[in-house]
């Protein structure tokens, strides 16, 4: 009986691992494809004027173009990504699908932006929101990953409170 439970656990971990790998590689690939398309587009385009537009922006800084030296950002980003891989591994070991997906989204987005910083010397942003914030797909995946992780933590806290009562 233990053998069958152990096989099921291993299969679930393998499944979560494969999903995580697929998400990370998929986000990175789609981010690269879209950035390549928009880098080569000659003219900014408006999808919903004033709400969503496509443009070109070279972000040499951090969030909101915060001016920071290039190599420290690369080193810090690399360290965070490595740490996230360890956290992802822990969530896989715990069979936590939601958190594994959340960390995979964050890692995929972070790798896309790190690639830009290393190869281009800047992060290429192309989505203009509300004519104030310019972001890219990688940024969106990082945001949705953080949102999913926060939601899973809140759910875990709620479930723990329900168990305690």
Protein backbone atom coordinates (compact mmCIF):
# COMPACT_ATOMS: atom_id res chain seq x y z
CA UNK A 1 0.00 0.00 0.00
CA UNK A 2 2.80 2.44 0.89
CA UNK A 3 4.38 1.65 -2.48
CA UNK A 4 1.25 2.76 -4.37
CA UNK A 5 0.96 6.00 -2.37
CA UNK A 6 4.64 6.70 -2.98
CA UNK A 7 4.22 6.18 -6.75
CA UNK A 8 1.22 8.53 -6.82
CA UNK A 9 3.22 11.16 -4.91
CA UNK A 10 6.16 10.84 -7.28
CA UNK A 11 3.87 11.10 -10.30
CA UNK A 12 2.23 14.25 -8.90
CA UNK A 13 5.64 15.83 -8.25
CA UNK A 14 6.74 14.92 -11.76
CA UNK A 15 3.55 16.42 -13.16
CA UNK A 16 4.02 19.66 -11.18
CA UNK A 17 7.68 19.80 -12.24
CA UNK A 18 6.79 19.39 -15.92
CA UNK A 19 4.08 22.06 -15.68
CA UNK A 20 6.56 24.42 -14.01
CA UNK A 21 9.20 23.83 -16.69
CA UNK A 22 6.61 24.32 -19.44
CA UNK A 23 5.41 27.61 -17.88
CA UNK A 24 8.93 28.98 -17.40
CA UNK A 25 10.11 28.10 -20.91
CA UNK A 26 6.79 29.14 -22.47
CA UNK A 27 6.76 32.57 -20.85
CA UNK A 28 10.39 33.17 -21.73
CA UNK A 29 9.83 32.14 -25.37
CA UNK A 30 6.62 34.14 -25.84
CA UNK A 31 8.21 37.17 -24.17
CA UNK A 32 11.20 36.96 -26.55
CA UNK A 33 8.96 36.56 -29.61
CA UNK A 34 6.75 39.52 -28.68
CA UNK A 35 9.70 41.75 -27.82
CA UNK A 36 11.32 40.88 -31.16
CA UNK A 37 8.10 41.74 -32.99
CA UNK A 38 7.67 45.07 -31.22
CA UNK A 39 11.36 46.05 -31.44
CA UNK A 40 11.06 45.71 -35.22
CA UNK A 41 7.75 47.58 -35.51
CA UNK A 42 8.25 51.06 -36.90
CA UNK A 43 5.27 52.94 -35.46
CA UNK A 44 3.53 52.88 -32.05
CA UNK A 45 -0.03 51.55 -32.27
CA UNK A 46 -3.10 52.28 -30.20
CA UNK A 47 -5.45 49.45 -29.30
CA UNK A 48 -7.70 51.38 -26.92
CA UNK A 49 -6.65 55.02 -27.03
CA UNK A 50 -5.71 56.29 -23.60
CA UNK A 51 -5.90 52.81 -22.08
CA UNK A 52 -3.71 50.36 -24.00
CA UNK A 53 -1.15 51.27 -26.62
CA UNK A 54 1.89 49.56 -28.08
CA UNK A 55 5.11 51.54 -28.17
CA UNK A 56 8.88 51.16 -27.77
CA UNK A 57 10.76 51.94 -24.59
CA UNK A 58 14.27 51.08 -23.45
CA UNK A 59 14.24 50.77 -19.67
CA UNK A 60 17.79 51.14 -18.38
CA UNK A 61 16.72 51.33 -14.74
CA UNK A 62 14.46 49.37 -12.46
CA UNK A 63 10.74 49.81 -11.89
CA UNK A 64 9.61 53.22 -13.18
CA UNK A 65 13.07 53.79 -14.72
CA UNK A 66 14.69 54.11 -11.29
CA UNK A 67 18.32 54.78 -12.18
CA UNK A 68 20.57 51.99 -10.87
CA UNK A 69 23.94 50.75 -12.14
CA UNK A 70 23.70 47.94 -14.71
CA UNK A 71 25.79 45.11 -13.20
CA UNK A 72 24.45 45.28 -9.63
CA UNK A 73 20.94 44.89 -11.06
CA UNK A 74 22.04 41.84 -13.07
CA UNK A 75 23.73 40.27 -10.04
CA UNK A 76 20.77 40.97 -7.76
CA UNK A 77 18.26 39.70 -10.34
CA UNK A 78 20.29 36.53 -10.85
CA UNK A 79 20.45 35.90 -7.10
CA UNK A 80 16.69 36.39 -6.76
CA UNK A 81 16.01 33.99 -9.65
CA UNK A 82 18.27 31.34 -8.09
CA UNK A 83 16.47 31.78 -4.77
CA UNK A 84 13.11 31.48 -6.55
CA UNK A 85 14.20 28.17 -8.11
CA UNK A 86 14.89 26.82 -4.61
CA UNK A 87 11.50 28.07 -3.39
CA UNK A 88 9.85 26.51 -6.47
CA UNK A 89 11.53 23.20 -5.66
CA UNK A 90 10.15 23.35 -2.11
CA UNK A 91 6.63 24.04 -3.37
CA UNK A 92 6.93 21.06 -5.75
CA UNK A 93 8.10 18.86 -2.88
CA UNK A 94 5.01 19.93 -0.92
CA UNK A 95 2.80 19.14 -3.96
CA UNK A 96 1.57 22.73 -3.91
CA UNK A 97 0.39 23.26 -7.48
CA UNK A 98 -0.84 26.85 -7.04
CA UNK A 99 2.39 28.10 -5.50
CA UNK A 100 4.46 26.16 -8.05
CA UNK A 101 2.58 27.87 -10.88
CA UNK A 102 2.97 31.25 -9.14
CA UNK A 103 6.74 30.85 -8.78
CA UNK A 104 7.01 29.57 -12.36
CA UNK A 105 5.26 32.69 -13.65
CA UNK A 106 7.62 34.91 -11.65
CA UNK A 107 10.73 33.00 -12.76
CA UNK A 108 9.68 33.01 -16.42
CA UNK A 109 9.09 36.76 -16.36
CA UNK A 110 12.28 37.47 -14.41
CA UNK A 111 14.35 35.39 -16.85
CA UNK A 112 12.87 37.33 -19.78
CA UNK A 113 13.83 40.67 -18.28
CA UNK A 114 17.26 39.40 -17.15
CA UNK A 115 17.95 38.22 -20.70
CA UNK A 116 17.18 41.73 -21.99
CA UNK A 117 19.49 43.33 -19.41
CA UNK A 118 22.38 41.02 -20.28
CA UNK A 119 21.99 40.95 -24.09
CA UNK A 120 20.50 44.38 -24.88
CA UNK A 121 21.77 46.37 -21.89
CA UNK A 122 18.20 47.41 -21.03
CA UNK A 123 14.74 45.90 -20.65
CA UNK A 124 12.55 46.45 -23.68
CA UNK A 125 9.03 47.54 -22.71
CA UNK A 126 6.25 47.84 -25.26
CA UNK A 127 2.84 47.95 -23.50
CA UNK A 128 1.74 51.47 -22.54
CA UNK A 129 -1.05 51.47 -19.95
CA UNK A 130 -3.11 54.59 -19.27
CA UNK A 131 -0.38 56.62 -21.00
CA UNK A 132 1.68 56.43 -17.81
CA UNK A 133 3.20 52.97 -17.31
CA UNK A 134 5.22 51.11 -19.93
CA UNK A 135 5.63 47.39 -19.25
CA UNK A 136 6.12 44.10 -21.10
CA UNK A 137 4.76 40.55 -20.95
CA UNK A 138 7.49 39.49 -18.50
CA UNK A 139 6.40 42.24 -16.09
CA UNK A 140 2.79 41.08 -16.36
CA UNK A 141 3.76 37.47 -15.60
CA UNK A 142 5.76 38.58 -12.55
CA UNK A 143 2.75 40.60 -11.36
CA UNK A 144 0.28 37.73 -11.92
CA UNK A 145 2.67 35.29 -10.24
CA UNK A 146 2.91 37.53 -7.18
CA UNK A 147 -0.87 37.97 -7.15
CA UNK A 148 -1.42 34.20 -7.39
CA UNK A 149 1.10 33.58 -4.60
CA UNK A 150 -0.54 36.19 -2.34
CA UNK A 151 -3.95 34.64 -3.03
CA UNK A 152 -2.66 31.17 -2.14
CA UNK A 153 -1.15 32.45 1.11
CA UNK A 154 -4.43 34.16 2.02
CA UNK A 155 -6.33 30.95 1.23
CA UNK A 156 -3.92 28.90 3.37
CA UNK A 157 -4.39 31.30 6.28
CA UNK A 158 -8.19 31.13 5.91
CA UNK A 159 -8.08 27.31 5.74
CA UNK A 160 -5.87 27.17 8.83
CA UNK A 161 -8.28 29.39 10.78
CA UNK A 162 -11.18 27.13 9.74
CA UNK A 163 -9.27 24.03 10.92
CA UNK A 164 -8.46 25.64 14.27
CA UNK A 165 -12.11 26.40 15.07
